[in-house]
Amino acid sequence: MQDKIHLYEEFFFADEWRSLHWQPEGRPPIFPSVILITPVRYAVSSEHIRLIQVASIHELMEKYKSSGKHQRDGKPRTSASSGGIKINLT
């Protein structure tokens, strides 16, 4: 699994991700977090990439439920949805 993380690090250092279509406009580029959803806890690490390990989607939602209520600037999120859970992983 660590070899796969090294591939993500190679992608990180290649800088190609900075100009991809999903990058935010008017803000610095953001490298996506790597989420491992598996009941197995891998001994992986990276000094460059944010790694998140959870056993299930439910655990991921619970882990980030309270942090999804506010954006980084501290303003409450507004949504036209029916109250679904928002996850801010950046």
C-alpha atoms as a PDB file:
ATOM      1  CA  MET A   1       0.000   0.000   0.000  1.00  0.00           C
ATOM      2  CA  GLN A   2       2.902   2.348   0.696  1.00  0.00           C
ATOM      3  CA  ASP A   3       3.986   1.890  -2.940  1.00  0.00           C
ATOM      4  CA  LYS A   4       0.583   3.252  -3.998  1.00  0.00           C
ATOM      5  CA  ILE A   5       1.064   6.253  -1.714  1.00  0.00           C
ATOM      6  CA  HIS A   6       4.429   6.841  -3.398  1.00  0.00           C
ATOM      7  CA  LEU A   7       2.598   6.997  -6.742  1.00  0.00           C
ATOM      8  CA  TYR A   8       0.325   9.712  -5.340  1.00  0.00           C
ATOM      9  CA  GLU A   9       3.435  11.556  -4.148  1.00  0.00           C
ATOM     10  CA  GLU A  10       4.923  11.340  -7.641  1.00  0.00           C
ATOM     11  CA  PHE A  11       1.722  12.866  -8.986  1.00  0.00           C
ATOM     12  CA  PHE A  12       1.951  15.571  -6.302  1.00  0.00           C
ATOM     13  CA  PHE A  13       5.498  16.513  -7.341  1.00  0.00           C
ATOM     14  CA  ALA A  14       4.652  16.420 -11.060  1.00  0.00           C
ATOM     15  CA  ASP A  15       2.495  19.555 -10.544  1.00  0.00           C
ATOM     16  CA  GLU A  16       0.110  18.492 -13.357  1.00  0.00           C
ATOM     17  CA  TRP A  17      -2.764  18.476 -10.840  1.00  0.00           C
ATOM     18  CA  ARG A  18      -2.436  22.249 -10.343  1.00  0.00           C
ATOM     19  CA  SER A  19      -4.017  22.981 -13.734  1.00  0.00           C
ATOM     20  CA  LEU A  20      -6.763  20.337 -13.805  1.00  0.00           C
ATOM     21  CA  HIS A  21     -10.369  21.439 -14.395  1.00  0.00           C
ATOM     22  CA  TRP A  22     -11.548  20.714 -10.830  1.00  0.00           C
ATOM     23  CA  GLN A  23      -9.209  23.226  -9.216  1.00  0.00           C
ATOM     24  CA  PRO A  24     -10.921  26.231  -7.568  1.00  0.00           C
ATOM     25  CA  GLU A  25     -10.905  29.468  -9.533  1.00  0.00           C
ATOM     26  CA  GLY A  26      -9.326  32.491  -7.927  1.00  0.00           C
ATOM     27  CA  ARG A  27      -7.650  30.456  -5.177  1.00  0.00           C
ATOM     28  CA  PRO A  28      -4.426  28.478  -4.868  1.00  0.00           C
ATOM     29  CA  PRO A  29      -4.612  24.899  -6.204  1.00  0.00           C
ATOM     30  CA  ILE A  30      -5.564  22.138  -3.764  1.00  0.00           C
ATOM     31  CA  PHE A  31      -4.151  18.625  -3.834  1.00  0.00           C
ATOM     32  CA  PRO A  32      -6.874  16.126  -2.924  1.00  0.00           C
ATOM     33  CA  SER A  33      -6.695  14.010   0.199  1.00  0.00           C
ATOM     34  CA  VAL A  34      -6.288  10.263  -0.221  1.00  0.00           C
ATOM     35  CA  ILE A  35      -9.051   8.346   1.544  1.00  0.00           C
ATOM     36  CA  LEU A  36      -8.550   4.662   2.277  1.00  0.00           C
ATOM     37  CA  ILE A  37     -11.887   2.983   3.027  1.00  0.00           C
ATOM     38  CA  THR A  38     -11.066  -0.462   4.292  1.00  0.00           C
ATOM     39  CA  PRO A  39     -11.399  -2.484   7.498  1.00  0.00           C
ATOM     40  CA  VAL A  40      -7.621  -3.075   7.298  1.00  0.00           C
ATOM     41  CA  ARG A  41      -5.489  -0.370   8.942  1.00  0.00           C
ATOM     42  CA  TYR A  42      -2.421   0.125   6.743  1.00  0.00           C
ATOM     43  CA  ALA A  43       0.900   1.394   8.094  1.00  0.00           C
ATOM     44  CA  VAL A  44       1.241   4.123   5.468  1.00  0.00           C
ATOM     45  CA  SER A  45       2.430   7.693   5.731  1.00  0.00           C
ATOM     46  CA  SER A  46       3.269  10.735   3.666  1.00  0.00           C
ATOM     47  CA  GLU A  47       4.838  14.059   4.495  1.00  0.00           C
ATOM     48  CA  HIS A  48       3.194  15.605   1.426  1.00  0.00           C
ATOM     49  CA  ILE A  49      -0.285  14.141   1.105  1.00  0.00           C
ATOM     50  CA  ARG A  50      -3.150  14.071   3.579  1.00  0.00           C
ATOM     51  CA  LEU A  51      -4.116  10.445   4.217  1.00  0.00           C
ATOM     52  CA  ILE A  52      -7.411   9.478   5.817  1.00  0.00           C
ATOM     53  CA  GLN A  53      -8.110   5.886   6.819  1.00  0.00           C
ATOM     54  CA  VAL A  54     -11.585   4.736   7.795  1.00  0.00           C
ATOM     55  CA  ALA A  55     -13.332   1.368   7.903  1.00  0.00           C
ATOM     56  CA  SER A  56     -16.519   2.596   6.198  1.00  0.00           C
ATOM     57  CA  ILE A  57     -18.252   5.557   4.596  1.00  0.00           C
ATOM     58  CA  HIS A  58     -20.325   5.831   7.767  1.00  0.00           C
ATOM     59  CA  GLU A  59     -17.151   6.237   9.848  1.00  0.00           C
ATOM     60  CA  LEU A  60     -15.915   8.917   7.445  1.00  0.00           C
ATOM     61  CA  MET A  61     -19.194  10.811   7.752  1.00  0.00           C
ATOM     62  CA  GLU A  62     -19.133  10.578  11.549  1.00  0.00           C
ATOM     63  CA  LYS A  63     -15.506  11.645  11.709  1.00  0.00           C
ATOM     64  CA  TYR A  64     -16.152  14.828   9.734  1.00  0.00           C
ATOM     65  CA  LYS A  65     -19.766  15.540  10.719  1.00  0.00           C
ATOM     66  CA  SER A  66     -18.986  18.374  13.142  1.00  0.00           C
ATOM     67  CA  SER A  67     -16.213  19.886  11.000  1.00  0.00           C
ATOM     68  CA  GLY A  68     -18.595  20.169   8.038  1.00  0.00           C
ATOM     69  CA  LYS A  69     -20.790  22.714   9.823  1.00  0.00           C
ATOM     70  CA  HIS A  70     -18.421  25.618   9.218  1.00  0.00           C
ATOM     71  CA  GLN A  71     -16.112  26.623   6.433  1.00  0.00           C
ATOM     72  CA  ARG A  72     -12.513  27.620   7.099  1.00  0.00           C
ATOM     73  CA  ASP A  73     -13.474  31.269   7.452  1.00  0.00           C
ATOM     74  CA  GLY A  74     -15.852  30.342  10.262  1.00  0.00           C
ATOM     75  CA  LYS A  75     -19.028  31.257   8.369  1.00  0.00           C
ATOM     76  CA  PRO A  76     -21.865  28.719   8.495  1.00  0.00           C
ATOM     77  CA  ARG A  77     -22.473  26.759   5.336  1.00  0.00           C
ATOM     78  CA  THR A  78     -25.681  27.376   3.506  1.00  0.00           C
ATOM     79  CA  SER A  79     -27.324  24.712   1.465  1.00  0.00           C
ATOM     80  CA  ALA A  80     -30.553  24.227  -0.424  1.00  0.00           C
ATOM     81  CA  SER A  81     -30.400  20.502   0.259  1.00  0.00           C
ATOM     82  CA  SER A  82     -32.567  18.640   2.701  1.00  0.00           C
ATOM     83  CA  GLY A  83     -29.998  18.707   5.512  1.00  0.00           C
ATOM     84  CA  GLY A  84     -27.548  16.110   4.203  1.00  0.00           C
ATOM     85  CA  ILE A  85     -24.118  15.814   5.768  1.00  0.00           C
ATOM     86  CA  LYS A  86     -21.418  17.990   4.227  1.00  0.00           C
ATOM     87  CA  ILE A  87     -17.770  16.904   4.433  1.00  0.00           C
ATOM     88  CA  ASN A  88     -14.991  19.461   4.024  1.00  0.00           C
ATOM     89  CA  LEU A  89     -11.765  17.529   3.628  1.00  0.00           C
ATOM     90  CA  THR A  90      -9.495  20.336   2.583  1.00  0.00           C
END
